[in-house]
Amino acid sequence: MSQKVLITGANGQLGKELVELFTAKGFEVYGFGRDKMDITNQAQVQEVISTLKPNIIIHSAAHTQVDLAESEPEQAFSINAYGTRNVAVAAEAVGAKLVYVSTDYVFDGTNDEPYNEFSPTSPLGIYGKSKLAGEQFVRDLHSKFFIVRTSWVYGKHGANFVKTMLKLGKERKELSVVDDQRGCPTYTLDLANTILELVGTQKYGVYHVSNSGNCSWYEFAREIFKISEMEVQVNPCTTADFQRPAARPANSVFEHMSIKLNNFNPIRHWREALNSFLKNN
C-alpha cells in the first residue's frame, strides 16, 4: 500500500518540486495550496488532515517575502508561527511524520564559522523570527519531526535568483551584485530528494539541507553567466549599496552535521547542481 503524503505550499517553487518527485516515487500525493487549505484556519487544517490521515506531512507553505514581513509582522507570524502550530497539532493527532521547511534566516550571520544544527539561533528580522517561532511550535507540539533549514533556493518553478539573473543578463551587459553575503545555494530537486530520504527513516531532528560548498551572491551570479555562456560584466558591491527593509545575515553558510552523523547521502556541490539545472531546464 502506498504511503499518503500531504504537502502544504504545493503551488510554491519547492512545493511543486515535492509534488512531482513524491508522485514519481509512487506515493499517494495530496498537494494543498492556500486555495484548498488555509493553514491559518485551524478548523480547516484539522478537518483536512483528520479526514485524509496522511502518513507524512511536508509543510512548505510560508510567508517568504522577507522585506514585506517587516511591514506586516502580524501576517508573517500568523502564517509562519501559528499556521505551523495548526499543521503540527493536526499532524500529531493522526500520527503523521512532519517535515517543516525552515530557513538560514534563523541565524544572525555574525559567525565566522559555518552554522551547524546546534548553533545558537538569533534571527535579525521578522521573517526569521516568525520561522523560528514555527520551529519552536514543531518541537513543542510534535513527536516525529524533521526541521529542514535551507537557503538560497532556486529551481524550475517560481521566481528565484537564478531566473532573475538570466532575465537581467538578456537585458543588460553589466550588473552589480552583492559580494559581502555568503551562503549556500540550494537546488529544489536536491532539497526534495534529501527530504524524500529523511522521511523514509525515524532519524528525527534538525537538518541543514543545502548544496555543498558556499559562495557570495556575486560569485553565484558569475557562475550562472559562465555556465549559460552569457557575456555579462558582473561587478561586486556591498549590502549597504542595496538598502532593503529587512537585514540579511552576512554569513549563513551551513555545515551539514546532521546529514553526516546520521549517514545520509552527502549533497552535491552547488556548482554541479547549478550546472545540472541550467543544462536540463
Protein backbone atom coordinates (compact mmCIF):
# COMPACT_ATOMS: atom_id res chain seq x y z
CA MET A 1 0.00 0.00 0.00
CA SER A 2 1.45 3.35 -0.99
CA GLN A 3 2.04 5.95 1.67
CA LYS A 4 -0.06 9.11 1.74
CA VAL A 5 1.86 12.38 1.65
CA LEU A 6 0.23 15.76 2.25
CA ILE A 7 2.22 18.75 1.00
CA THR A 8 1.38 22.32 2.03
CA GLY A 9 2.51 25.21 -0.14
CA ALA A 10 2.06 22.92 -3.16
CA ASN A 11 1.95 25.88 -5.57
CA GLY A 12 5.34 27.24 -4.45
CA GLN A 13 8.71 26.56 -6.07
CA LEU A 14 9.64 23.83 -3.57
CA GLY A 15 6.08 22.55 -3.17
CA LYS A 16 5.70 21.85 -6.89
CA GLU A 17 9.05 20.04 -6.95
CA LEU A 18 7.97 17.91 -3.96
CA VAL A 19 4.62 17.02 -5.56
CA GLU A 20 6.39 15.93 -8.77
CA LEU A 21 9.10 13.90 -7.00
CA PHE A 22 6.87 12.10 -4.50
CA THR A 23 4.32 11.32 -7.22
CA ALA A 24 7.10 9.89 -9.42
CA LYS A 25 8.26 7.74 -6.48
CA GLY A 26 4.84 6.13 -6.12
CA PHE A 27 3.45 7.97 -3.10
CA GLU A 28 -0.22 8.94 -2.90
CA VAL A 29 0.28 12.71 -3.01
CA TYR A 30 -2.12 15.41 -1.86
CA GLY A 31 -0.85 18.89 -2.66
CA PHE A 32 -2.58 21.82 -1.00
CA GLY A 33 -2.23 25.48 -1.87
CA ARG A 34 -3.85 28.23 0.17
CA ASP A 35 -6.97 27.96 -2.02
CA LYS A 36 -7.65 24.40 -0.74
CA MET A 37 -6.27 24.59 2.79
CA ASP A 38 -5.54 27.88 4.55
CA ILE A 39 -3.00 26.92 7.24
CA THR A 40 -4.04 29.90 9.38
CA ASN A 41 -7.54 28.38 9.69
CA GLN A 42 -7.13 25.79 12.44
CA ALA A 43 -10.56 24.19 11.99
CA GLN A 44 -9.96 23.72 8.26
CA VAL A 45 -6.46 22.29 8.79
CA GLN A 46 -7.79 19.80 11.36
CA GLU A 47 -10.66 18.75 9.12
CA VAL A 48 -8.47 18.17 6.05
CA ILE A 49 -5.74 16.29 7.91
CA SER A 50 -8.06 14.20 10.11
CA THR A 51 -10.06 13.19 7.00
CA LEU A 52 -7.02 12.31 4.85
CA LYS A 53 -4.93 10.75 7.63
CA PRO A 54 -1.61 11.11 5.76
CA ASN A 55 1.48 9.15 6.84
CA ILE A 56 3.75 12.10 6.08
CA ILE A 57 3.13 15.85 6.04
CA ILE A 58 5.65 18.15 4.35
CA HIS A 59 4.93 21.68 5.45
CA SER A 60 6.48 24.03 2.89
CA ALA A 61 3.80 26.76 2.95
CA ALA A 62 5.19 30.03 4.32
CA HIS A 63 5.19 33.81 4.22
CA THR A 64 8.55 34.14 2.45
CA GLN A 65 8.61 37.80 1.43
CA VAL A 66 11.43 38.87 3.70
CA ASP A 67 11.13 42.64 3.19
CA LEU A 68 7.33 42.69 3.27
CA ALA A 69 7.37 40.80 6.59
CA GLU A 70 9.00 43.85 8.23
CA SER A 71 5.90 45.96 7.49
CA GLU A 72 3.34 43.22 8.22
CA PRO A 73 4.67 41.27 11.21
CA GLU A 74 1.24 40.01 12.26
CA GLN A 75 0.70 38.41 8.86
CA ALA A 76 4.15 36.77 8.97
CA PHE A 77 3.59 35.33 12.48
CA SER A 78 0.04 34.28 11.62
CA ILE A 79 1.31 32.15 8.72
CA ASN A 80 4.81 31.07 9.78
CA ALA A 81 4.20 30.58 13.51
CA TYR A 82 0.50 29.87 14.13
CA GLY A 83 -0.04 28.26 10.71
CA THR A 84 2.79 25.87 11.56
CA ARG A 85 1.28 25.23 15.00
CA ASN A 86 -2.02 24.30 13.33
CA VAL A 87 -0.29 21.84 11.00
CA ALA A 88 1.83 20.37 13.83
CA VAL A 89 -1.16 19.77 16.13
CA ALA A 90 -3.21 18.12 13.36
CA ALA A 91 -0.20 16.04 12.20
CA GLU A 92 0.45 14.78 15.73
CA ALA A 93 -3.23 13.83 16.14
CA VAL A 94 -3.10 11.45 13.15
CA GLY A 95 0.44 10.19 13.92
CA ALA A 96 1.99 11.57 10.74
CA LYS A 97 5.69 12.28 10.36
CA LEU A 98 6.16 16.04 9.90
CA VAL A 99 8.72 17.90 7.82
CA TYR A 100 8.88 21.63 8.49
CA VAL A 101 10.86 23.62 5.94
CA SER A 102 12.75 26.41 7.74
CA THR A 103 15.48 28.87 6.82
CA ASP A 104 19.04 30.14 7.26
CA TYR A 105 17.44 33.41 8.46
CA VAL A 106 17.12 31.91 11.97
CA PHE A 107 20.81 32.93 12.32
CA ASP A 108 22.14 36.49 12.56
CA GLY A 109 25.12 35.81 10.29
CA THR A 110 27.79 37.15 12.66
CA ASN A 111 29.65 33.80 12.96
CA ASP A 112 32.94 33.38 11.12
CA GLU A 113 32.38 29.62 11.01
CA PRO A 114 29.62 27.72 9.18
CA TYR A 115 26.45 27.16 11.19
CA ASN A 116 25.64 23.61 12.27
CA GLU A 117 22.28 22.37 13.57
CA PHE A 118 23.29 23.06 17.17
CA SER A 119 24.49 26.63 16.64
CA PRO A 120 22.50 29.17 18.71
CA THR A 121 19.74 30.89 16.74
CA SER A 122 19.38 34.67 16.71
CA PRO A 123 17.22 35.95 13.83
CA LEU A 124 17.68 39.54 12.63
CA GLY A 125 14.24 40.25 11.16
CA ILE A 126 10.55 39.41 11.33
CA TYR A 127 10.77 36.66 8.70
CA GLY A 128 13.50 34.79 10.60
CA LYS A 129 11.77 35.33 13.96
CA SER A 130 8.45 34.03 12.63
CA LYS A 131 10.08 30.94 11.06
CA LEU A 132 11.96 30.24 14.31
CA ALA A 133 8.65 30.52 16.19
CA GLY A 134 7.34 27.87 13.78
CA GLU A 135 10.32 25.63 14.63
CA GLN A 136 9.53 26.04 18.32
CA PHE A 137 5.88 25.03 17.84
CA VAL A 138 7.02 21.94 15.92
CA ARG A 139 9.43 20.96 18.72
CA ASP A 140 6.80 21.56 21.43
CA LEU A 141 3.76 20.00 19.77
CA HIS A 142 5.05 17.15 17.60
CA SER A 143 6.92 13.93 18.41
CA LYS A 144 8.13 12.77 14.96
CA PHE A 145 9.55 15.78 13.18
CA PHE A 146 12.25 16.82 10.75
CA ILE A 147 13.06 20.54 10.81
CA VAL A 148 14.80 21.18 7.49
CA ARG A 149 16.60 24.51 7.29
CA THR A 150 17.53 25.53 3.79
CA SER A 151 18.91 28.59 1.98
CA TRP A 152 19.19 30.44 -1.33
CA VAL A 153 16.64 28.18 -3.02
CA TYR A 154 16.16 28.05 -6.79
CA GLY A 155 14.59 25.64 -9.27
CA LYS A 156 12.40 25.41 -12.34
CA HIS A 157 9.24 26.62 -10.59
CA GLY A 158 8.53 30.12 -9.32
CA ALA A 159 10.71 33.20 -9.14
CA ASN A 160 14.27 32.95 -7.83
CA PHE A 161 17.76 34.45 -8.07
CA VAL A 162 18.93 32.25 -10.97
CA LYS A 163 15.92 33.15 -13.13
CA THR A 164 16.28 36.84 -12.23
CA MET A 165 19.95 36.83 -13.26
CA LEU A 166 19.18 35.09 -16.58
CA LYS A 167 16.46 37.65 -17.30
CA LEU A 168 18.67 40.63 -16.38
CA GLY A 169 21.57 39.13 -18.34
CA LYS A 170 19.46 39.26 -21.50
CA GLU A 171 18.51 42.88 -20.86
CA ARG A 172 21.84 44.34 -19.67
CA LYS A 173 25.53 43.93 -20.31
CA GLU A 174 26.57 44.97 -16.80
CA LEU A 175 25.21 44.17 -13.33
CA SER A 176 26.15 44.90 -9.72
CA VAL A 177 25.69 42.02 -7.27
CA VAL A 178 26.28 41.87 -3.51
CA ASP A 179 29.63 40.31 -2.55
CA ASP A 180 29.55 40.60 1.27
CA GLN A 181 26.85 37.99 1.98
CA ARG A 182 27.89 34.34 1.86
CA GLY A 183 25.63 31.32 1.83
CA CYS A 184 24.79 28.01 0.21
CA PRO A 185 22.71 27.89 -2.98
CA THR A 186 20.14 25.08 -2.94
CA TYR A 187 18.58 23.43 -5.99
CA THR A 188 14.95 22.44 -5.22
CA LEU A 189 15.45 18.99 -6.77
CA ASP A 190 18.34 18.18 -4.41
CA LEU A 191 16.39 19.57 -1.46
CA ALA A 192 13.33 17.47 -2.37
CA ASN A 193 15.46 14.33 -2.79
CA THR A 194 17.02 14.82 0.66
CA ILE A 195 13.56 15.29 2.20
CA LEU A 196 12.49 12.07 0.48
CA GLU A 197 15.48 10.30 2.03
CA LEU A 198 14.77 11.73 5.51
CA VAL A 199 11.11 10.73 5.67
CA GLY A 200 11.97 7.10 4.94
CA THR A 201 13.64 6.94 8.37
CA GLN A 202 12.99 7.67 12.03
CA LYS A 203 16.09 9.83 12.34
CA TYR A 204 14.12 12.83 13.58
CA GLY A 205 15.64 16.20 14.39
CA VAL A 206 17.02 19.35 12.80
CA TYR A 207 18.82 19.22 9.44
CA HIS A 208 20.70 21.79 7.40
CA VAL A 209 19.96 20.97 3.77
CA SER A 210 21.65 22.93 1.00
CA ASN A 211 24.07 22.13 -1.76
CA SER A 212 27.67 21.71 -0.56
CA GLY A 213 30.25 24.48 -0.73
CA ASN A 214 29.40 28.16 -0.41
CA CYS A 215 29.70 31.46 -2.28
CA SER A 216 28.67 35.10 -2.29
CA TRP A 217 25.74 36.30 -4.42
CA TYR A 218 28.36 37.89 -6.70
CA GLU A 219 30.16 34.56 -7.19
CA PHE A 220 26.82 32.82 -7.70
CA ALA A 221 25.84 35.32 -10.41
CA ARG A 222 29.18 34.96 -12.20
CA GLU A 223 28.82 31.18 -12.25
CA ILE A 224 25.27 31.44 -13.66
CA PHE A 225 26.51 33.55 -16.60
CA LYS A 226 29.60 31.41 -17.10
CA ILE A 227 27.61 28.15 -17.37
CA SER A 228 24.98 29.87 -19.55
CA GLU A 229 27.75 31.32 -21.76
CA MET A 230 26.34 34.84 -21.42
CA GLU A 231 28.64 37.85 -21.80
CA VAL A 232 27.71 39.93 -18.75
CA GLN A 233 30.05 42.11 -16.69
CA VAL A 234 29.30 41.41 -13.01
CA ASN A 235 30.57 43.99 -10.51
CA PRO A 236 30.82 43.30 -6.77
CA CYS A 237 29.02 45.71 -4.45
CA THR A 238 28.15 45.82 -0.74
CA THR A 239 24.91 45.19 1.13
CA ALA A 240 24.96 48.87 2.09
CA ASP A 241 24.69 49.77 -1.64
CA PHE A 242 21.31 47.99 -1.76
CA GLN A 243 19.17 49.36 1.07
CA ARG A 244 16.38 46.87 1.88
CA PRO A 245 13.78 46.94 4.69
CA ALA A 246 15.00 43.64 6.19
CA ALA A 247 18.56 42.95 7.34
CA ARG A 248 20.25 39.92 5.74
CA PRO A 249 22.70 37.63 7.54
CA ALA A 250 26.23 38.33 6.24
CA ASN A 251 27.21 34.69 6.72
CA SER A 252 24.60 31.94 6.52
CA VAL A 253 26.91 29.16 5.38
CA PHE A 254 25.66 25.75 6.55
CA GLU A 255 27.56 22.83 7.94
CA HIS A 256 25.68 19.56 7.23
CA MET A 257 26.48 17.94 10.55
CA SER A 258 23.16 16.06 10.93
CA ILE A 259 23.29 14.70 7.37
CA LYS A 260 26.78 13.37 8.07
CA LEU A 261 26.22 11.98 11.58
CA ASN A 262 23.01 10.21 10.53
CA ASN A 263 24.68 8.68 7.46
CA PHE A 264 22.52 10.29 4.81
CA ASN A 265 23.84 10.85 1.30
CA PRO A 266 26.08 13.92 1.04
CA ILE A 267 24.56 16.66 -1.11
CA ARG A 268 26.42 17.57 -4.30
CA HIS A 269 28.38 20.81 -4.73
CA TRP A 270 26.40 23.91 -5.64
CA ARG A 271 28.33 24.37 -8.91
CA GLU A 272 27.46 20.85 -10.04
CA ALA A 273 23.81 21.35 -9.10
CA LEU A 274 23.64 24.72 -10.89
CA ASN A 275 25.22 23.22 -13.99
CA SER A 276 22.66 20.39 -13.96
CA PHE A 277 19.77 22.85 -13.53
CA LEU A 278 20.89 25.21 -16.30
CA LYS A 279 21.67 22.41 -18.75
CA ASN A 280 18.42 20.50 -18.15
CA ASN A 281 15.80 23.22 -17.90
